[in-house]
Amino acid sequence: SSQDAKDATSKKLKSMLEEERQVHTKALKTQQNDIRGITTERNSLTQQVAALQSSYDAKDATHKTLQSTLEGERLVHTKALKTLQNDIRGTMMENDALTRRAE
């Protein structure tokens, strides 16, 4: 009968809709799992970047401190060298003067 055909069509359509719903539900769960994985990876990378930045900042501060210390030491040694050169010149002039007197 016509009603039986309508019922069979309705049952078939409901079955097809249920299959589609299950396919979409499975796809949605897969996408949610992917999003969770990507979020976890992003968080991990963010932490790694923060750790690297912190390490870089510490090394940069150490480098700047060492540069400053070396510059200070260079200035001290430059001043000491000039003093030594002046002392040598003075000693040589005294030696020349004494040599002239001895002649």
PDB file of N, CA and C in Angstrom:
ATOM      1  N   SER A   1       0.820  -1.190   0.000  1.00  0.00           N
ATOM      2  CA  SER A   1       0.000   0.000   0.000  1.00  0.00           C
ATOM      3  C   SER A   1       0.858   1.245   0.000  1.00  0.00           C
ATOM      4  N   SER A   2       0.199   2.358  -0.226  1.00  0.00           N
ATOM      5  CA  SER A   2       0.873   3.646  -0.305  1.00  0.00           C
ATOM      6  C   SER A   2       1.466   4.035   1.041  1.00  0.00           C
ATOM      7  N   GLN A   3       0.776   3.745   2.109  1.00  0.00           N
ATOM      8  CA  GLN A   3       1.255   4.065   3.455  1.00  0.00           C
ATOM      9  C   GLN A   3       2.506   3.254   3.777  1.00  0.00           C
ATOM     10  N   ASP A   4       2.538   2.002   3.376  1.00  0.00           N
ATOM     11  CA  ASP A   4       3.700   1.146   3.614  1.00  0.00           C
ATOM     12  C   ASP A   4       4.928   1.692   2.872  1.00  0.00           C
ATOM     13  N   ALA A   5       4.696   2.171   1.650  1.00  0.00           N
ATOM     14  CA  ALA A   5       5.789   2.734   0.868  1.00  0.00           C
ATOM     15  C   ALA A   5       6.308   4.005   1.533  1.00  0.00           C
ATOM     16  N   LYS A   6       5.392   4.841   2.035  1.00  0.00           N
ATOM     17  CA  LYS A   6       5.795   6.064   2.737  1.00  0.00           C
ATOM     18  C   LYS A   6       6.572   5.716   4.007  1.00  0.00           C
ATOM     19  N   ASP A   7       6.096   4.710   4.736  1.00  0.00           N
ATOM     20  CA  ASP A   7       6.780   4.292   5.969  1.00  0.00           C
ATOM     21  C   ASP A   7       8.183   3.760   5.664  1.00  0.00           C
ATOM     22  N   ALA A   8       8.283   2.985   4.581  1.00  0.00           N
ATOM     23  CA  ALA A   8       9.585   2.421   4.201  1.00  0.00           C
ATOM     24  C   ALA A   8      10.540   3.549   3.791  1.00  0.00           C
ATOM     25  N   THR A   9      10.043   4.528   3.041  1.00  0.00           N
ATOM     26  CA  THR A   9      10.857   5.668   2.616  1.00  0.00           C
ATOM     27  C   THR A   9      11.295   6.480   3.837  1.00  0.00           C
ATOM     28  N   SER A  10      10.349   6.698   4.743  1.00  0.00           N
ATOM     29  CA  SER A  10      10.655   7.449   5.958  1.00  0.00           C
ATOM     30  C   SER A  10      11.703   6.721   6.793  1.00  0.00           C
ATOM     31  N   LYS A  11      11.562   5.418   6.913  1.00  0.00           N
ATOM     32  CA  LYS A  11      12.511   4.617   7.695  1.00  0.00           C
ATOM     33  C   LYS A  11      13.901   4.675   7.043  1.00  0.00           C
ATOM     34  N   LYS A  12      13.917   4.580   5.692  1.00  0.00           N
ATOM     35  CA  LYS A  12      15.182   4.628   4.968  1.00  0.00           C
ATOM     36  C   LYS A  12      15.853   5.996   5.149  1.00  0.00           C
ATOM     37  N   LEU A  13      15.061   7.078   5.055  1.00  0.00           N
ATOM     38  CA  LEU A  13      15.609   8.425   5.234  1.00  0.00           C
ATOM     39  C   LEU A  13      16.136   8.623   6.658  1.00  0.00           C
ATOM     40  N   LYS A  14      15.388   8.123   7.646  1.00  0.00           N
ATOM     41  CA  LYS A  14      15.851   8.228   9.038  1.00  0.00           C
ATOM     42  C   LYS A  14      17.170   7.480   9.224  1.00  0.00           C
ATOM     43  N   SER A  15      17.286   6.320   8.594  1.00  0.00           N
ATOM     44  CA  SER A  15      18.505   5.525   8.677  1.00  0.00           C
ATOM     45  C   SER A  15      19.677   6.273   8.034  1.00  0.00           C
ATOM     46  N   MET A  16      19.423   6.871   6.863  1.00  0.00           N
ATOM     47  CA  MET A  16      20.467   7.641   6.181  1.00  0.00           C
ATOM     48  C   MET A  16      20.886   8.846   7.024  1.00  0.00           C
ATOM     49  N   LEU A  17      19.914   9.534   7.612  1.00  0.00           N
ATOM     50  CA  LEU A  17      20.223  10.676   8.471  1.00  0.00           C
ATOM     51  C   LEU A  17      21.043  10.253   9.686  1.00  0.00           C
ATOM     52  N   GLU A  18      20.710   9.107  10.263  1.00  0.00           N
ATOM     53  CA  GLU A  18      21.459   8.606  11.423  1.00  0.00           C
ATOM     54  C   GLU A  18      22.904   8.287  11.025  1.00  0.00           C
ATOM     55  N   GLU A  19      23.082   7.661   9.859  1.00  0.00           N
ATOM     56  CA  GLU A  19      24.436   7.376   9.372  1.00  0.00           C
ATOM     57  C   GLU A  19      25.229   8.675   9.177  1.00  0.00           C
ATOM     58  N   GLU A  20      24.604   9.686   8.581  1.00  0.00           N
ATOM     59  CA  GLU A  20      25.247  10.983   8.383  1.00  0.00           C
ATOM     60  C   GLU A  20      25.607  11.621   9.721  1.00  0.00           C
ATOM     61  N   ARG A  21      24.690  11.527  10.676  1.00  0.00           N
ATOM     62  CA  ARG A  21      24.938  12.083  12.001  1.00  0.00           C
ATOM     63  C   ARG A  21      26.145  11.402  12.629  1.00  0.00           C
ATOM     64  N   GLN A  22      26.243  10.093  12.518  1.00  0.00           N
ATOM     65  CA  GLN A  22      27.373   9.352  13.084  1.00  0.00           C
ATOM     66  C   GLN A  22      28.691   9.740  12.405  1.00  0.00           C
ATOM     67  N   VAL A  23      28.658   9.917  11.080  1.00  0.00           N
ATOM     68  CA  VAL A  23      29.858  10.336  10.337  1.00  0.00           C
ATOM     69  C   VAL A  23      30.306  11.720  10.813  1.00  0.00           C
ATOM     70  N   HIS A  24      29.345  12.632  10.939  1.00  0.00           N
ATOM     71  CA  HIS A  24      29.674  13.992  11.374  1.00  0.00           C
ATOM     72  C   HIS A  24      30.141  14.016  12.832  1.00  0.00           C
ATOM     73  N   THR A  25      29.523  13.187  13.669  1.00  0.00           N
ATOM     74  CA  THR A  25      29.934  13.100  15.077  1.00  0.00           C
ATOM     75  C   THR A  25      31.375  12.601  15.176  1.00  0.00           C
ATOM     76  N   LYS A  26      31.690  11.586  14.378  1.00  0.00           N
ATOM     77  CA  LYS A  26      33.059  11.043  14.375  1.00  0.00           C
ATOM     78  C   LYS A  26      34.051  12.095  13.881  1.00  0.00           C
ATOM     79  N   ALA A  27      33.691  12.808  12.816  1.00  0.00           N
ATOM     80  CA  ALA A  27      34.565  13.857  12.274  1.00  0.00           C
ATOM     81  C   ALA A  27      34.760  14.973  13.302  1.00  0.00           C
ATOM     82  N   LEU A  28      33.685  15.335  13.994  1.00  0.00           N
ATOM     83  CA  LEU A  28      33.774  16.373  15.019  1.00  0.00           C
ATOM     84  C   LEU A  28      34.705  15.947  16.150  1.00  0.00           C
ATOM     85  N   LYS A  29      34.594  14.695  16.600  1.00  0.00           N
ATOM     86  CA  LYS A  29      35.481  14.193  17.662  1.00  0.00           C
ATOM     87  C   LYS A  29      36.936  14.199  17.202  1.00  0.00           C
ATOM     88  N   THR A  30      37.161  13.834  15.943  1.00  0.00           N
ATOM     89  CA  THR A  30      38.526  13.854  15.399  1.00  0.00           C
ATOM     90  C   THR A  30      39.071  15.280  15.397  1.00  0.00           C
ATOM     91  N   GLN A  31      38.261  16.232  14.955  1.00  0.00           N
ATOM     92  CA  GLN A  31      38.688  17.626  14.936  1.00  0.00           C
ATOM     93  C   GLN A  31      38.941  18.157  16.344  1.00  0.00           C
ATOM     94  N   GLN A  32      38.093  17.767  17.298  1.00  0.00           N
ATOM     95  CA  GLN A  32      38.299  18.198  18.690  1.00  0.00           C
ATOM     96  C   GLN A  32      39.602  17.638  19.238  1.00  0.00           C
ATOM     97  N   ASN A  33      39.887  16.370  18.924  1.00  0.00           N
ATOM     98  CA  ASN A  33      41.157  15.768  19.361  1.00  0.00           C
ATOM     99  C   ASN A  33      42.343  16.477  18.706  1.00  0.00           C
ATOM    100  N   ASP A  34      42.201  16.799  17.421  1.00  0.00           N
ATOM    101  CA  ASP A  34      43.266  17.537  16.727  1.00  0.00           C
ATOM    102  C   ASP A  34      43.497  18.897  17.379  1.00  0.00           C
ATOM    103  N   ILE A  35      42.418  19.582  17.707  1.00  0.00           N
ATOM    104  CA  ILE A  35      42.521  20.903  18.341  1.00  0.00           C
ATOM    105  C   ILE A  35      43.203  20.775  19.703  1.00  0.00           C
ATOM    106  N   ARG A  36      42.826  19.744  20.466  1.00  0.00           N
ATOM    107  CA  ARG A  36      43.479  19.530  21.764  1.00  0.00           C
ATOM    108  C   ARG A  36      44.974  19.280  21.585  1.00  0.00           C
ATOM    109  N   GLY A  37      45.335  18.457  20.588  1.00  0.00           N
ATOM    110  CA  GLY A  37      46.749  18.175  20.322  1.00  0.00           C
ATOM    111  C   GLY A  37      47.508  19.426  19.913  1.00  0.00           C
ATOM    112  N   ILE A  38      46.909  20.214  19.037  1.00  0.00           N
ATOM    113  CA  ILE A  38      47.549  21.454  18.576  1.00  0.00           C
ATOM    114  C   ILE A  38      47.695  22.439  19.735  1.00  0.00           C
ATOM    115  N   THR A  39      46.669  22.524  20.576  1.00  0.00           N
ATOM    116  CA  THR A  39      46.722  23.427  21.731  1.00  0.00           C
ATOM    117  C   THR A  39      47.822  22.997  22.699  1.00  0.00           C
ATOM    118  N   THR A  40      47.926  21.702  22.940  1.00  0.00           N
ATOM    119  CA  THR A  40      48.981  21.181  23.826  1.00  0.00           C
ATOM    120  C   THR A  40      50.357  21.478  23.244  1.00  0.00           C
ATOM    121  N   GLU A  41      50.514  21.246  21.938  1.00  0.00           N
ATOM    122  CA  GLU A  41      51.796  21.520  21.280  1.00  0.00           C
ATOM    123  C   GLU A  41      52.122  23.011  21.328  1.00  0.00           C
ATOM    124  N   ARG A  42      51.123  23.853  21.082  1.00  0.00           N
ATOM    125  CA  ARG A  42      51.332  25.305  21.132  1.00  0.00           C
ATOM    126  C   ARG A  42      51.770  25.738  22.526  1.00  0.00           C
ATOM    127  N   ASN A  43      51.107  25.199  23.551  1.00  0.00           N
ATOM    128  CA  ASN A  43      51.482  25.541  24.927  1.00  0.00           C
ATOM    129  C   ASN A  43      52.911  25.111  25.233  1.00  0.00           C
ATOM    130  N   SER A  44      53.276  23.927  24.769  1.00  0.00           N
ATOM    131  CA  SER A  44      54.636  23.433  24.984  1.00  0.00           C
ATOM    132  C   SER A  44      55.649  24.328  24.275  1.00  0.00           C
ATOM    133  N   LEU A  45      55.350  24.700  23.030  1.00  0.00           N
ATOM    134  CA  LEU A  45      56.259  25.576  22.280  1.00  0.00           C
ATOM    135  C   LEU A  45      56.356  26.953  22.926  1.00  0.00           C
ATOM    136  N   THR A  46      55.240  27.446  23.433  1.00  0.00           N
ATOM    137  CA  THR A  46      55.244  28.740  24.117  1.00  0.00           C
ATOM    138  C   THR A  46      56.155  28.692  25.344  1.00  0.00           C
ATOM    139  N   GLN A  47      56.078  27.592  26.089  1.00  0.00           N
ATOM    140  CA  GLN A  47      56.948  27.438  27.272  1.00  0.00           C
ATOM    141  C   GLN A  47      58.406  27.347  26.854  1.00  0.00           C
ATOM    142  N   GLN A  48      58.675  26.614  25.761  1.00  0.00           N
ATOM    143  CA  GLN A  48      60.055  26.491  25.286  1.00  0.00           C
ATOM    144  C   GLN A  48      60.603  27.843  24.839  1.00  0.00           C
ATOM    145  N   VAL A  49      59.778  28.618  24.138  1.00  0.00           N
ATOM    146  CA  VAL A  49      60.207  29.951  23.699  1.00  0.00           C
ATOM    147  C   VAL A  49      60.493  30.838  24.907  1.00  0.00           C
ATOM    148  N   ALA A  50      59.625  30.774  25.924  1.00  0.00           N
ATOM    149  CA  ALA A  50      59.834  31.583  27.132  1.00  0.00           C
ATOM    150  C   ALA A  50      61.137  31.172  27.822  1.00  0.00           C
ATOM    151  N   ALA A  51      61.395  29.864  27.894  1.00  0.00           N
ATOM    152  CA  ALA A  51      62.631  29.387  28.521  1.00  0.00           C
ATOM    153  C   ALA A  51      63.851  29.838  27.718  1.00  0.00           C
ATOM    154  N   LEU A  52      63.766  29.751  26.400  1.00  0.00           N
ATOM    155  CA  LEU A  52      64.881  30.203  25.563  1.00  0.00           C
ATOM    156  C   LEU A  52      65.112  31.704  25.699  1.00  0.00           C
ATOM    157  N   GLN A  53      64.026  32.469  25.756  1.00  0.00           N
ATOM    158  CA  GLN A  53      64.156  33.919  25.913  1.00  0.00           C
ATOM    159  C   GLN A  53      64.815  34.253  27.245  1.00  0.00           C
ATOM    160  N   SER A  54      64.397  33.539  28.289  1.00  0.00           N
ATOM    161  CA  SER A  54      64.977  33.763  29.611  1.00  0.00           C
ATOM    162  C   SER A  54      66.470  33.422  29.610  1.00  0.00           C
ATOM    163  N   SER A  55      66.804  32.306  28.984  1.00  0.00           N
ATOM    164  CA  SER A  55      68.211  31.892  28.887  1.00  0.00           C
ATOM    165  C   SER A  55      69.016  32.914  28.089  1.00  0.00           C
ATOM    166  N   TYR A  56      68.445  33.372  26.980  1.00  0.00           N
ATOM    167  CA  TYR A  56      69.119  34.381  26.158  1.00  0.00           C
ATOM    168  C   TYR A  56      69.333  35.664  26.960  1.00  0.00           C
ATOM    169  N   ASP A  57      68.301  36.098  27.672  1.00  0.00           N
ATOM    170  CA  ASP A  57      68.409  37.332  28.455  1.00  0.00           C
ATOM    171  C   ASP A  57      69.512  37.215  29.505  1.00  0.00           C
ATOM    172  N   ALA A  58      69.587  36.039  30.160  1.00  0.00           N
ATOM    173  CA  ALA A  58      70.627  35.837  31.172  1.00  0.00           C
ATOM    174  C   ALA A  58      72.014  35.863  30.533  1.00  0.00           C
ATOM    175  N   LYS A  59      72.155  35.191  29.391  1.00  0.00           N
ATOM    176  CA  LYS A  59      73.454  35.178  28.710  1.00  0.00           C
ATOM    177  C   LYS A  59      73.819  36.566  28.203  1.00  0.00           C
ATOM    178  N   ASP A  60      72.828  37.296  27.718  1.00  0.00           N
ATOM    179  CA  ASP A  60      73.070  38.652  27.232  1.00  0.00           C
ATOM    180  C   ASP A  60      73.531  39.551  28.380  1.00  0.00           C
ATOM    181  N   ALA A  61      72.887  39.413  29.540  1.00  0.00           N
ATOM    182  CA  ALA A  61      73.287  40.217  30.705  1.00  0.00           C
ATOM    183  C   ALA A  61      74.712  39.859  31.127  1.00  0.00           C
ATOM    184  N   THR A  62      75.043  38.578  31.116  1.00  0.00           N
ATOM    185  CA  THR A  62      76.399  38.141  31.461  1.00  0.00           C
ATOM    186  C   THR A  62      77.403  38.701  30.456  1.00  0.00           C
ATOM    187  N   HIS A  63      77.045  38.645  29.175  1.00  0.00           N
ATOM    188  CA  HIS A  63      77.927  39.172  28.131  1.00  0.00           C
ATOM    189  C   HIS A  63      78.183  40.663  28.340  1.00  0.00           C
ATOM    190  N   LYS A  64      77.137  41.412  28.631  1.00  0.00           N
ATOM    191  CA  LYS A  64      77.292  42.856  28.842  1.00  0.00           C
ATOM    192  C   LYS A  64      78.156  43.135  30.073  1.00  0.00           C
ATOM    193  N   THR A  65      77.967  42.349  31.127  1.00  0.00           N
ATOM    194  CA  THR A  65      78.781  42.514  32.334  1.00  0.00           C
ATOM    195  C   THR A  65      80.247  42.227  32.026  1.00  0.00           C
ATOM    196  N   LEU A  66      80.496  41.159  31.276  1.00  0.00           N
ATOM    197  CA  LEU A  66      81.878  40.821  30.915  1.00  0.00           C
ATOM    198  C   LEU A  66      82.499  41.909  30.029  1.00  0.00           C
ATOM    199  N   GLN A  67      81.726  42.414  29.082  1.00  0.00           N
ATOM    200  CA  GLN A  67      82.230  43.492  28.220  1.00  0.00           C
ATOM    201  C   GLN A  67      82.612  44.709  29.060  1.00  0.00           C
ATOM    202  N   SER A  68      81.756  45.058  29.994  1.00  0.00           N
ATOM    203  CA  SER A  68      82.018  46.215  30.843  1.00  0.00           C
ATOM    204  C   SER A  68      83.266  45.978  31.699  1.00  0.00           C
ATOM    205  N   THR A  69      83.382  44.785  32.251  1.00  0.00           N
ATOM    206  CA  THR A  69      84.549  44.448  33.074  1.00  0.00           C
ATOM    207  C   THR A  69      85.823  44.504  32.236  1.00  0.00           C
ATOM    208  N   LEU A  70      85.766  43.931  31.047  1.00  0.00           N
ATOM    209  CA  LEU A  70      86.947  43.951  30.167  1.00  0.00           C
ATOM    210  C   LEU A  70      87.323  45.375  29.776  1.00  0.00           C
ATOM    211  N   GLU A  71      86.335  46.206  29.510  1.00  0.00           N
ATOM    212  CA  GLU A  71      86.618  47.592  29.162  1.00  0.00           C
ATOM    213  C   GLU A  71      87.281  48.309  30.334  1.00  0.00           C
ATOM    214  N   GLY A  72      86.803  48.055  31.529  1.00  0.00           N
ATOM    215  CA  GLY A  72      87.422  48.639  32.724  1.00  0.00           C
ATOM    216  C   GLY A  72      88.860  48.182  32.883  1.00  0.00           C
ATOM    217  N   GLU A  73      89.083  46.889  32.688  1.00  0.00           N
ATOM    218  CA  GLU A  73      90.446  46.349  32.789  1.00  0.00           C
ATOM    219  C   GLU A  73      91.345  46.937  31.700  1.00  0.00           C
ATOM    220  N   ARG A  74      90.801  47.109  30.498  1.00  0.00           N
ATOM    221  CA  ARG A  74      91.584  47.689  29.406  1.00  0.00           C
ATOM    222  C   ARG A  74      92.024  49.104  29.759  1.00  0.00           C
ATOM    223  N   LEU A  75      91.113  49.883  30.330  1.00  0.00           N
ATOM    224  CA  LEU A  75      91.454  51.250  30.717  1.00  0.00           C
ATOM    225  C   LEU A  75      92.530  51.272  31.797  1.00  0.00           C
ATOM    226  N   VAL A  76      92.405  50.377  32.778  1.00  0.00           N
ATOM    227  CA  VAL A  76      93.414  50.303  33.845  1.00  0.00           C
ATOM    228  C   VAL A  76      94.778  49.956  33.260  1.00  0.00           C
ATOM    229  N   HIS A  77      94.805  48.953  32.372  1.00  0.00           N
ATOM    230  CA  HIS A  77      96.085  48.540  31.781  1.00  0.00           C
ATOM    231  C   HIS A  77      96.660  49.617  30.859  1.00  0.00           C
ATOM    232  N   THR A  78      95.791  50.325  30.137  1.00  0.00           N
ATOM    233  CA  THR A  78      96.270  51.410  29.272  1.00  0.00           C
ATOM    234  C   THR A  78      96.916  52.501  30.110  1.00  0.00           C
ATOM    235  N   LYS A  79      96.274  52.839  31.229  1.00  0.00           N
ATOM    236  CA  LYS A  79      96.834  53.865  32.114  1.00  0.00           C
ATOM    237  C   LYS A  79      98.164  53.391  32.712  1.00  0.00           C
ATOM    238  N   ALA A  80      98.217  52.129  33.123  1.00  0.00           N
ATOM    239  CA  ALA A  80      99.453  51.583  33.703  1.00  0.00           C
ATOM    240  C   ALA A  80     100.570  51.565  32.662  1.00  0.00           C
ATOM    241  N   LEU A  81     100.237  51.238  31.423  1.00  0.00           N
ATOM    242  CA  LEU A  81     101.238  51.214  30.353  1.00  0.00           C
ATOM    243  C   LEU A  81     101.792  52.617  30.101  1.00  0.00           C
ATOM    244  N   LYS A  82     100.909  53.610  30.064  1.00  0.00           N
ATOM    245  CA  LYS A  82     101.368  54.996  29.858  1.00  0.00           C
ATOM    246  C   LYS A  82     102.272  55.433  31.005  1.00  0.00           C
ATOM    247  N   THR A  83     101.904  55.082  32.222  1.00  0.00           N
ATOM    248  CA  THR A  83     102.734  55.418  33.390  1.00  0.00           C
ATOM    249  C   THR A  83     104.099  54.756  33.267  1.00  0.00           C
ATOM    250  N   LEU A  84     104.110  53.479  32.874  1.00  0.00           N
ATOM    251  CA  LEU A  84     105.362  52.750  32.716  1.00  0.00           C
ATOM    252  C   LEU A  84     106.217  53.379  31.608  1.00  0.00           C
ATOM    253  N   GLN A  85     105.576  53.739  30.496  1.00  0.00           N
ATOM    254  CA  GLN A  85     106.329  54.382  29.413  1.00  0.00           C
ATOM    255  C   GLN A  85     106.932  55.710  29.875  1.00  0.00           C
ATOM    256  N   ASN A  86     106.165  56.477  30.625  1.00  0.00           N
ATOM    257  CA  ASN A  86     106.699  57.746  31.147  1.00  0.00           C
ATOM    258  C   ASN A  86     107.845  57.499  32.122  1.00  0.00           C
ATOM    259  N   ASP A  87     107.689  56.473  32.959  1.00  0.00           N
ATOM    260  CA  ASP A  87     108.779  56.137  33.892  1.00  0.00           C
ATOM    261  C   ASP A  87     110.035  55.730  33.139  1.00  0.00           C
ATOM    262  N   ILE A  88     109.880  54.955  32.067  1.00  0.00           N
ATOM    263  CA  ILE A  88     111.041  54.524  31.275  1.00  0.00           C
ATOM    264  C   ILE A  88     111.707  55.744  30.632  1.00  0.00           C
ATOM    265  N   ARG A  89     110.891  56.659  30.064  1.00  0.00           N
ATOM    266  CA  ARG A  89     111.447  57.870  29.461  1.00  0.00           C
ATOM    267  C   ARG A  89     112.222  58.684  30.515  1.00  0.00           C
ATOM    268  N   GLY A  90     111.622  58.830  31.687  1.00  0.00           N
ATOM    269  CA  GLY A  90     112.281  59.591  32.753  1.00  0.00           C
ATOM    270  C   GLY A  90     113.590  58.940  33.176  1.00  0.00           C
ATOM    271  N   THR A  91     113.594  57.629  33.305  1.00  0.00           N
ATOM    272  CA  THR A  91     114.807  56.910  33.692  1.00  0.00           C
ATOM    273  C   THR A  91     115.875  57.046  32.621  1.00  0.00           C
ATOM    274  N   MET A  92     115.455  56.963  31.349  1.00  0.00           N
ATOM    275  CA  MET A  92     116.426  57.112  30.254  1.00  0.00           C
ATOM    276  C   MET A  92     117.015  58.523  30.239  1.00  0.00           C
ATOM    277  N   MET A  93     116.172  59.537  30.505  1.00  0.00           N
ATOM    278  CA  MET A  93     116.675  60.914  30.531  1.00  0.00           C
ATOM    279  C   MET A  93     117.646  61.090  31.698  1.00  0.00           C
ATOM    280  N   GLU A  94     117.322  60.515  32.844  1.00  0.00           N
ATOM    281  CA  GLU A  94     118.253  60.582  33.988  1.00  0.00           C
ATOM    282  C   GLU A  94     119.551  59.879  33.658  1.00  0.00           C
ATOM    283  N   ASN A  95     119.449  58.724  33.015  1.00  0.00           N
ATOM    284  CA  ASN A  95     120.645  57.947  32.648  1.00  0.00           C
ATOM    285  C   ASN A  95     121.499  58.750  31.676  1.00  0.00           C
ATOM    286  N   ASP A  96     120.867  59.386  30.689  1.00  0.00           N
ATOM    287  CA  ASP A  96     121.618  60.206  29.736  1.00  0.00           C
ATOM    288  C   ASP A  96     122.321  61.374  30.467  1.00  0.00           C
ATOM    289  N   ALA A  97     121.580  62.002  31.374  1.00  0.00           N
ATOM    290  CA  ALA A  97     122.149  63.131  32.107  1.00  0.00           C
ATOM    291  C   ALA A  97     123.343  62.661  32.943  1.00  0.00           C
ATOM    292  N   LEU A  98     123.233  61.555  33.613  1.00  0.00           N
ATOM    293  CA  LEU A  98     124.330  61.026  34.420  1.00  0.00           C
ATOM    294  C   LEU A  98     125.516  60.625  33.546  1.00  0.00           C
ATOM    295  N   THR A  99     125.235  60.076  32.383  1.00  0.00           N
ATOM    296  CA  THR A  99     126.296  59.680  31.465  1.00  0.00           C
ATOM    297  C   THR A  99     127.049  60.912  30.985  1.00  0.00           C
ATOM    298  N   ARG A 100     126.340  61.999  30.684  1.00  0.00           N
ATOM    299  CA  ARG A 100     126.980  63.228  30.228  1.00  0.00           C
ATOM    300  C   ARG A 100     127.866  63.809  31.338  1.00  0.00           C
ATOM    301  N   ARG A 101     127.400  63.755  32.576  1.00  0.00           N
ATOM    302  CA  ARG A 101     128.193  64.289  33.685  1.00  0.00           C
ATOM    303  C   ARG A 101     129.460  63.462  33.917  1.00  0.00           C
ATOM    304  N   ALA A 102     129.302  62.170  33.677  1.00  0.00           N
ATOM    305  CA  ALA A 102     130.462  61.276  33.903  1.00  0.00           C
ATOM    306  C   ALA A 102     131.510  61.469  32.845  1.00  0.00           C
ATOM    307  N   GLU A 103     131.162  61.982  31.697  1.00  0.00           N
ATOM    308  CA  GLU A 103     132.133  62.147  30.610  1.00  0.00           C
ATOM    309  C   GLU A 103     132.995  63.267  30.852  1.00  0.00           C
TER     310      GLU A 103
END
